[in-house]
C-alpha atoms as a PDB file:
ATOM      1  CA  UNK A   1     103.840  -0.905 119.420  1.00  0.00           C
ATOM      2  CA  UNK A   2     102.723  -3.655 121.811  1.00  0.00           C
ATOM      3  CA  UNK A   3     100.500  -6.450 120.537  1.00  0.00           C
ATOM      4  CA  UNK A   4      96.985  -6.165 121.970  1.00  0.00           C
ATOM      5  CA  UNK A   5      95.709  -9.437 120.535  1.00  0.00           C
ATOM      6  CA  UNK A   6      96.703 -12.347 118.302  1.00  0.00           C
ATOM      7  CA  UNK A   7      94.365 -13.707 115.652  1.00  0.00           C
ATOM      8  CA  UNK A   8      94.143 -17.507 116.001  1.00  0.00           C
ATOM      9  CA  UNK A   9      95.245 -19.539 113.021  1.00  0.00           C
ATOM     10  CA  UNK A  10      92.198 -21.339 111.633  1.00  0.00           C
ATOM     11  CA  UNK A  11      90.703 -22.443 108.327  1.00  0.00           C
ATOM     12  CA  UNK A  12      87.266 -20.858 108.605  1.00  0.00           C
ATOM     13  CA  UNK A  13      85.788 -17.882 106.812  1.00  0.00           C
ATOM     14  CA  UNK A  14      86.550 -15.615 109.765  1.00  0.00           C
ATOM     15  CA  UNK A  15      90.238 -16.332 109.166  1.00  0.00           C
ATOM     16  CA  UNK A  16      90.088 -15.058 105.575  1.00  0.00           C
ATOM     17  CA  UNK A  17      88.218 -11.956 106.676  1.00  0.00           C
ATOM     18  CA  UNK A  18      91.005 -11.284 109.176  1.00  0.00           C
ATOM     19  CA  UNK A  19      93.526 -11.495 106.347  1.00  0.00           C
ATOM     20  CA  UNK A  20      91.606  -8.726 104.597  1.00  0.00           C
ATOM     21  CA  UNK A  21      91.446  -6.694 107.823  1.00  0.00           C
ATOM     22  CA  UNK A  22      95.213  -6.894 108.195  1.00  0.00           C
ATOM     23  CA  UNK A  23      95.659  -6.001 104.510  1.00  0.00           C
ATOM     24  CA  UNK A  24      93.490  -2.907 104.937  1.00  0.00           C
ATOM     25  CA  UNK A  25      95.366  -1.964 108.110  1.00  0.00           C
ATOM     26  CA  UNK A  26      98.610  -1.954 106.136  1.00  0.00           C
ATOM     27  CA  UNK A  27      97.154   0.055 103.241  1.00  0.00           C
ATOM     28  CA  UNK A  28      94.940   2.689 104.911  1.00  0.00           C
ATOM     29  CA  UNK A  29      95.987   5.665 107.008  1.00  0.00           C
ATOM     30  CA  UNK A  30      95.397   5.480 110.733  1.00  0.00           C
ATOM     31  CA  UNK A  31      92.396   7.571 111.720  1.00  0.00           C
ATOM     32  CA  UNK A  32      90.719   7.291 108.312  1.00  0.00           C
ATOM     33  CA  UNK A  33      88.667   4.192 109.130  1.00  0.00           C
ATOM     34  CA  UNK A  34      87.565   1.892 111.932  1.00  0.00           C
ATOM     35  CA  UNK A  35      86.604  -1.772 112.036  1.00  0.00           C
ATOM     36  CA  UNK A  36      83.107  -2.366 113.417  1.00  0.00           C
ATOM     37  CA  UNK A  37      80.697  -5.259 113.868  1.00  0.00           C
ATOM     38  CA  UNK A  38      81.436  -8.832 114.815  1.00  0.00           C
ATOM     39  CA  UNK A  39      85.155  -8.687 114.087  1.00  0.00           C
ATOM     40  CA  UNK A  40      85.622  -5.631 116.316  1.00  0.00           C
ATOM     41  CA  UNK A  41      83.796  -7.535 119.070  1.00  0.00           C
ATOM     42  CA  UNK A  42      86.051 -10.531 118.445  1.00  0.00           C
ATOM     43  CA  UNK A  43      89.135  -8.321 118.693  1.00  0.00           C
ATOM     44  CA  UNK A  44      88.010  -7.061 122.099  1.00  0.00           C
ATOM     45  CA  UNK A  45      87.414 -10.665 123.157  1.00  0.00           C
ATOM     46  CA  UNK A  46      90.894 -11.720 122.009  1.00  0.00           C
ATOM     47  CA  UNK A  47      92.487  -8.740 123.770  1.00  0.00           C
ATOM     48  CA  UNK A  48      90.762  -9.802 127.003  1.00  0.00           C
ATOM     49  CA  UNK A  49      91.585 -13.505 126.567  1.00  0.00           C
ATOM     50  CA  UNK A  50      87.904 -14.382 126.309  1.00  0.00           C
ATOM     51  CA  UNK A  51      86.247 -17.225 124.414  1.00  0.00           C
ATOM     52  CA  UNK A  52      85.519 -15.973 120.886  1.00  0.00           C
ATOM     53  CA  UNK A  53      82.728 -18.532 120.562  1.00  0.00           C
ATOM     54  CA  UNK A  54      80.647 -16.171 122.705  1.00  0.00           C
ATOM     55  CA  UNK A  55      80.807 -13.555 119.939  1.00  0.00           C
ATOM     56  CA  UNK A  56      77.672 -13.613 117.795  1.00  0.00           C
ATOM     57  CA  UNK A  57      77.866 -13.319 114.016  1.00  0.00           C
ATOM     58  CA  UNK A  58      75.362 -12.635 111.298  1.00  0.00           C
ATOM     59  CA  UNK A  59      74.289 -15.555 109.134  1.00  0.00           C
ATOM     60  CA  UNK A  60      76.404 -14.279 106.237  1.00  0.00           C
ATOM     61  CA  UNK A  61      80.210 -13.986 106.392  1.00  0.00           C
ATOM     62  CA  UNK A  62      80.508 -10.224 106.408  1.00  0.00           C
ATOM     63  CA  UNK A  63      83.054  -7.568 107.310  1.00  0.00           C
ATOM     64  CA  UNK A  64      82.162  -3.966 108.062  1.00  0.00           C
ATOM     65  CA  UNK A  65      84.057  -0.710 108.410  1.00  0.00           C
ATOM     66  CA  UNK A  66      83.330   2.983 108.801  1.00  0.00           C
ATOM     67  CA  UNK A  67      85.318   5.666 106.999  1.00  0.00           C
ATOM     68  CA  UNK A  68      85.112   9.343 106.098  1.00  0.00           C
ATOM     69  CA  UNK A  69      83.967  10.874 102.825  1.00  0.00           C
ATOM     70  CA  UNK A  70      87.478  12.173 102.137  1.00  0.00           C
ATOM     71  CA  UNK A  71      89.032   8.727 102.709  1.00  0.00           C
ATOM     72  CA  UNK A  72      86.409   6.794 100.761  1.00  0.00           C
ATOM     73  CA  UNK A  73      88.227   6.994  97.365  1.00  0.00           C
ATOM     74  CA  UNK A  74      91.324   5.490  98.997  1.00  0.00           C
ATOM     75  CA  UNK A  75      89.236   2.742 100.620  1.00  0.00           C
ATOM     76  CA  UNK A  76      87.700   1.892  97.237  1.00  0.00           C
ATOM     77  CA  UNK A  77      91.130   1.793  95.582  1.00  0.00           C
ATOM     78  CA  UNK A  78      92.539  -0.469  98.287  1.00  0.00           C
ATOM     79  CA  UNK A  79      89.572  -2.852  98.144  1.00  0.00           C
ATOM     80  CA  UNK A  80      89.947  -3.067  94.363  1.00  0.00           C
ATOM     81  CA  UNK A  81      93.655  -3.823  94.769  1.00  0.00           C
ATOM     82  CA  UNK A  82      92.601  -6.685  97.044  1.00  0.00           C
ATOM     83  CA  UNK A  83      90.264  -8.058  94.372  1.00  0.00           C
ATOM     84  CA  UNK A  84      86.954  -6.595  95.545  1.00  0.00           C
ATOM     85  CA  UNK A  85      84.381  -4.999  93.283  1.00  0.00           C
ATOM     86  CA  UNK A  86      81.377  -2.807  94.071  1.00  0.00           C
ATOM     87  CA  UNK A  87      78.409  -5.150  94.354  1.00  0.00           C
ATOM     88  CA  UNK A  88      75.198  -4.556  92.444  1.00  0.00           C
ATOM     89  CA  UNK A  89      73.330  -4.782  95.758  1.00  0.00           C
ATOM     90  CA  UNK A  90      74.880  -1.509  96.939  1.00  0.00           C
ATOM     91  CA  UNK A  91      72.265   1.087  97.812  1.00  0.00           C
ATOM     92  CA  UNK A  92      72.318   4.723  98.843  1.00  0.00           C
ATOM     93  CA  UNK A  93      72.649   3.859 102.517  1.00  0.00           C
ATOM     94  CA  UNK A  94      75.600   1.470 102.234  1.00  0.00           C
ATOM     95  CA  UNK A  95      78.370   0.440  99.854  1.00  0.00           C
ATOM     96  CA  UNK A  96      78.828  -3.308  99.414  1.00  0.00           C
ATOM     97  CA  UNK A  97      82.001  -4.849  98.043  1.00  0.00           C
ATOM     98  CA  UNK A  98      82.394  -8.511  97.173  1.00  0.00           C
ATOM     99  CA  UNK A  99      85.176 -10.829  96.103  1.00  0.00           C
ATOM    100  CA  UNK A 100      84.542 -14.319  94.684  1.00  0.00           C
ATOM    101  CA  UNK A 101      86.310 -17.389  95.947  1.00  0.00           C
ATOM    102  CA  UNK A 102      89.666 -18.088  94.363  1.00  0.00           C
ATOM    103  CA  UNK A 103      89.310 -20.730  91.674  1.00  0.00           C
ATOM    104  CA  UNK A 104      91.046 -23.981  92.402  1.00  0.00           C
ATOM    105  CA  UNK A 105      91.484 -23.177  96.094  1.00  0.00           C
ATOM    106  CA  UNK A 106      89.177 -25.257  98.303  1.00  0.00           C
ATOM    107  CA  UNK A 107      90.064 -23.132 101.338  1.00  0.00           C
ATOM    108  CA  UNK A 108      89.137 -19.845  99.631  1.00  0.00           C
ATOM    109  CA  UNK A 109      85.628 -18.521 100.275  1.00  0.00           C
ATOM    110  CA  UNK A 110      83.758 -15.517  98.858  1.00  0.00           C
ATOM    111  CA  UNK A 111      83.867 -12.357 100.965  1.00  0.00           C
ATOM    112  CA  UNK A 112      81.574  -9.392 101.324  1.00  0.00           C
ATOM    113  CA  UNK A 113      82.319  -6.076 102.980  1.00  0.00           C
ATOM    114  CA  UNK A 114      80.036  -3.190 103.830  1.00  0.00           C
ATOM    115  CA  UNK A 115      81.580   0.281 103.932  1.00  0.00           C
ATOM    116  CA  UNK A 116      79.714   3.075 105.677  1.00  0.00           C
ATOM    117  CA  UNK A 117      80.732   6.681 105.128  1.00  0.00           C
ATOM    118  CA  UNK A 118      80.161   9.312 107.804  1.00  0.00           C
ATOM    119  CA  UNK A 119      77.917  12.068 106.517  1.00  0.00           C
ATOM    120  CA  UNK A 120      76.980  10.071 103.412  1.00  0.00           C
ATOM    121  CA  UNK A 121      75.454   6.762 104.471  1.00  0.00           C
ATOM    122  CA  UNK A 122      73.284   6.255 107.524  1.00  0.00           C
ATOM    123  CA  UNK A 123      74.763   3.904 110.088  1.00  0.00           C
ATOM    124  CA  UNK A 124      73.479   4.270 113.604  1.00  0.00           C
ATOM    125  CA  UNK A 125      76.450   4.432 115.946  1.00  0.00           C
ATOM    126  CA  UNK A 126      79.046   4.597 113.177  1.00  0.00           C
ATOM    127  CA  UNK A 127      80.103   8.213 113.663  1.00  0.00           C
ATOM    128  CA  UNK A 128      80.894   7.783 117.342  1.00  0.00           C
ATOM    129  CA  UNK A 129      82.740   4.529 116.609  1.00  0.00           C
ATOM    130  CA  UNK A 130      85.071   6.376 114.234  1.00  0.00           C
ATOM    131  CA  UNK A 131      85.514   9.302 116.627  1.00  0.00           C
ATOM    132  CA  UNK A 132      86.427   6.912 119.464  1.00  0.00           C
ATOM    133  CA  UNK A 133      88.699   4.620 117.475  1.00  0.00           C
ATOM    134  CA  UNK A 134      91.930   3.338 118.992  1.00  0.00           C
ATOM    135  CA  UNK A 135      94.847   1.684 117.136  1.00  0.00           C
ATOM    136  CA  UNK A 136      95.379  -1.800 118.545  1.00  0.00           C
ATOM    137  CA  UNK A 137      98.328  -3.995 117.717  1.00  0.00           C
ATOM    138  CA  UNK A 138      97.281  -7.281 116.092  1.00  0.00           C
ATOM    139  CA  UNK A 139      99.330 -10.267 115.038  1.00  0.00           C
ATOM    140  CA  UNK A 140      98.664 -13.183 112.725  1.00  0.00           C
ATOM    141  CA  UNK A 141     101.628 -15.321 111.856  1.00  0.00           C
ATOM    142  CA  UNK A 142     104.444 -12.966 110.886  1.00  0.00           C
ATOM    143  CA  UNK A 143     102.122 -10.019 110.346  1.00  0.00           C
ATOM    144  CA  UNK A 144     101.655  -7.383 113.060  1.00  0.00           C
ATOM    145  CA  UNK A 145      99.860  -4.243 111.829  1.00  0.00           C
ATOM    146  CA  UNK A 146      97.848  -1.761 113.861  1.00  0.00           C
ATOM    147  CA  UNK A 147      94.078  -2.283 113.533  1.00  0.00           C
ATOM    148  CA  UNK A 148      91.771   0.663 114.360  1.00  0.00           C
ATOM    149  CA  UNK A 149      89.014  -0.471 116.725  1.00  0.00           C
ATOM    150  CA  UNK A 150      86.258   1.444 118.488  1.00  0.00           C
ATOM    151  CA  UNK A 151      86.979   1.747 122.194  1.00  0.00           C
ATOM    152  CA  UNK A 152      85.208  -0.833 124.331  1.00  0.00           C
ATOM    153  CA  UNK A 153      82.539   1.709 125.287  1.00  0.00           C
ATOM    154  CA  UNK A 154      82.120   2.820 121.652  1.00  0.00           C
ATOM    155  CA  UNK A 155      81.719  -0.821 120.590  1.00  0.00           C
ATOM    156  CA  UNK A 156      78.939  -1.316 123.151  1.00  0.00           C
ATOM    157  CA  UNK A 157      77.159   1.809 121.909  1.00  0.00           C
ATOM    158  CA  UNK A 158      77.626   0.708 118.288  1.00  0.00           C
ATOM    159  CA  UNK A 159      76.148  -2.760 118.907  1.00  0.00           C
ATOM    160  CA  UNK A 160      73.254  -1.273 120.893  1.00  0.00           C
ATOM    161  CA  UNK A 161      72.600   1.198 118.074  1.00  0.00           C
ATOM    162  CA  UNK A 162      72.598  -1.633 115.557  1.00  0.00           C
ATOM    163  CA  UNK A 163      70.084  -3.507 117.697  1.00  0.00           C
ATOM    164  CA  UNK A 164      67.778  -0.498 117.429  1.00  0.00           C
ATOM    165  CA  UNK A 165      68.163  -0.175 113.662  1.00  0.00           C
ATOM    166  CA  UNK A 166      68.632  -3.752 112.377  1.00  0.00           C
ATOM    167  CA  UNK A 167      65.614  -5.312 110.689  1.00  0.00           C
ATOM    168  CA  UNK A 168      67.149  -8.742 110.098  1.00  0.00           C
ATOM    169  CA  UNK A 169      69.215  -9.980 113.044  1.00  0.00           C
ATOM    170  CA  UNK A 170      68.842  -7.469 115.909  1.00  0.00           C
ATOM    171  CA  UNK A 171      69.614  -9.947 118.675  1.00  0.00           C
ATOM    172  CA  UNK A 172      73.029 -10.710 117.183  1.00  0.00           C
ATOM    173  CA  UNK A 173      73.856  -7.146 118.192  1.00  0.00           C
ATOM    174  CA  UNK A 174      72.088  -7.455 121.558  1.00  0.00           C
ATOM    175  CA  UNK A 175      74.153 -10.529 122.433  1.00  0.00           C
ATOM    176  CA  UNK A 176      77.351  -8.785 121.394  1.00  0.00           C
ATOM    177  CA  UNK A 177      76.519  -5.720 123.468  1.00  0.00           C
ATOM    178  CA  UNK A 178      75.910  -7.963 126.483  1.00  0.00           C
ATOM    179  CA  UNK A 179      79.176  -9.782 125.897  1.00  0.00           C
ATOM    180  CA  UNK A 180      81.091  -6.500 125.591  1.00  0.00           C
ATOM    181  CA  UNK A 181      79.482  -5.263 128.815  1.00  0.00           C
ATOM    182  CA  UNK A 182      81.047  -8.266 130.558  1.00  0.00           C
ATOM    183  CA  UNK A 183      84.481  -6.870 129.595  1.00  0.00           C
ATOM    184  CA  UNK A 184      83.928  -3.515 131.325  1.00  0.00           C
ATOM    185  CA  UNK A 185      86.005  -3.767 134.493  1.00  0.00           C
ATOM    186  CA  UNK A 186      84.904  -0.407 135.939  1.00  0.00           C
ATOM    187  CA  UNK A 187      81.355   0.357 134.765  1.00  0.00           C
ATOM    188  CA  UNK A 188      80.913   3.186 137.287  1.00  0.00           C
ATOM    189  CA  UNK A 189      83.952   4.957 135.859  1.00  0.00           C
ATOM    190  CA  UNK A 190      83.044   4.117 132.249  1.00  0.00           C
ATOM    191  CA  UNK A 191      79.578   5.636 132.495  1.00  0.00           C
ATOM    192  CA  UNK A 192      81.155   9.045 133.043  1.00  0.00           C
ATOM    193  CA  UNK A 193      82.226   8.912 129.391  1.00  0.00           C
ATOM    194  CA  UNK A 194      78.705   8.261 128.073  1.00  0.00           C
ATOM    195  CA  UNK A 195      77.050  11.109 126.191  1.00  0.00           C
ATOM    196  CA  UNK A 196      73.324  11.794 126.355  1.00  0.00           C
ATOM    197  CA  UNK A 197      73.019  10.256 122.874  1.00  0.00           C
ATOM    198  CA  UNK A 198      74.864   7.149 124.090  1.00  0.00           C
ATOM    199  CA  UNK A 199      72.469   6.803 127.009  1.00  0.00           C
ATOM    200  CA  UNK A 200      69.421   7.027 124.755  1.00  0.00           C
ATOM    201  CA  UNK A 201      70.803   4.258 122.564  1.00  0.00           C
ATOM    202  CA  UNK A 202      71.654   2.006 125.514  1.00  0.00           C
ATOM    203  CA  UNK A 203      68.232   2.517 127.104  1.00  0.00           C
ATOM    204  CA  UNK A 204      66.506   1.264 123.953  1.00  0.00           C
ATOM    205  CA  UNK A 205      68.466  -1.971 124.245  1.00  0.00           C
ATOM    206  CA  UNK A 206      67.873  -2.157 128.004  1.00  0.00           C
ATOM    207  CA  UNK A 207      64.123  -1.924 127.427  1.00  0.00           C
ATOM    208  CA  UNK A 208      64.376  -5.186 125.482  1.00  0.00           C
ATOM    209  CA  UNK A 209      66.988  -7.130 127.493  1.00  0.00           C
ATOM    210  CA  UNK A 210      66.916  -5.431 130.883  1.00  0.00           C
ATOM    211  CA  UNK A 211      65.913  -8.496 132.911  1.00  0.00           C
ATOM    212  CA  UNK A 212      68.544 -10.849 134.295  1.00  0.00           C
ATOM    213  CA  UNK A 213      66.748 -13.927 132.970  1.00  0.00           C
ATOM    214  CA  UNK A 214      66.953 -12.718 129.371  1.00  0.00           C
ATOM    215  CA  UNK A 215      68.900 -15.132 127.165  1.00  0.00           C
ATOM    216  CA  UNK A 216      71.578 -12.535 126.266  1.00  0.00           C
ATOM    217  CA  UNK A 217      72.753 -12.698 129.898  1.00  0.00           C
ATOM    218  CA  UNK A 218      72.130 -16.375 130.607  1.00  0.00           C
ATOM    219  CA  UNK A 219      74.465 -17.315 127.741  1.00  0.00           C
ATOM    220  CA  UNK A 220      77.366 -15.733 129.652  1.00  0.00           C
ATOM    221  CA  UNK A 221      77.852 -18.303 132.434  1.00  0.00           C
ATOM    222  CA  UNK A 222      81.547 -17.494 132.751  1.00  0.00           C
ATOM    223  CA  UNK A 223      80.677 -14.015 134.008  1.00  0.00           C
ATOM    224  CA  UNK A 224      77.544 -13.931 136.171  1.00  0.00           C
ATOM    225  CA  UNK A 225      78.317 -10.275 136.930  1.00  0.00           C
ATOM    226  CA  UNK A 226      77.835  -9.156 133.303  1.00  0.00           C
ATOM    227  CA  UNK A 227      74.243  -8.136 133.984  1.00  0.00           C
ATOM    228  CA  UNK A 228      75.312  -6.134 137.045  1.00  0.00           C
ATOM    229  CA  UNK A 229      78.022  -4.403 135.013  1.00  0.00           C
ATOM    230  CA  UNK A 230      75.409  -3.481 132.412  1.00  0.00           C
ATOM    231  CA  UNK A 231      73.047  -2.016 135.015  1.00  0.00           C
ATOM    232  CA  UNK A 232      75.860  -0.059 136.670  1.00  0.00           C
ATOM    233  CA  UNK A 233      76.852   1.331 133.284  1.00  0.00           C
ATOM    234  CA  UNK A 234      73.306   2.631 132.743  1.00  0.00           C
ATOM    235  CA  UNK A 235      72.777   3.971 136.252  1.00  0.00           C
ATOM    236  CA  UNK A 236      72.320   7.725 136.615  1.00  0.00           C
END
């Protein structure tokens, strides 16, 4: 397996979340889950040698994955083996797992993960992200597992869907969708793979950010063509 991206060594909370991602990749069966959200966007950025500082994150350090109902018991077992417990804030629409910081370790920080289950919880864009997942080789130090990521197109649809459904930080997802659009090298070819449902989701986002002067595009000075790529992706 070739390495698609390398996780930079750093001492920030994103680094610890990546350790958990690599742990889960080693423990869970391929095809049973997919990484979504900010860390999936970061993985696409790393694979394309882009600046990860352009990836937007929610205010809270948070990891997110999508799995199936049949794989959920295994996901729970693996998270418990890694020290996570089901949080009291879990509700019917999402399962939250948390792990406190390790005592006596100043570099250890608390972690929280949200697990969405297809057919059980409601996560706009999650089903298609799992259906379009691709194993990507990742490395961090001596570790080199295969991490399941949504395809680039599926990640754009996922972030656009989250923009339409998020009530707290929708423009985190809008900025990430714009950034991901800048990675699409052949938008005319890519749009052939969009479903009618995908197009509906993308048009909702375009209604909000569809002008070149919108801040989600102006923050991408390294790729002035990102807006054009986005418009070509949406063209009929």
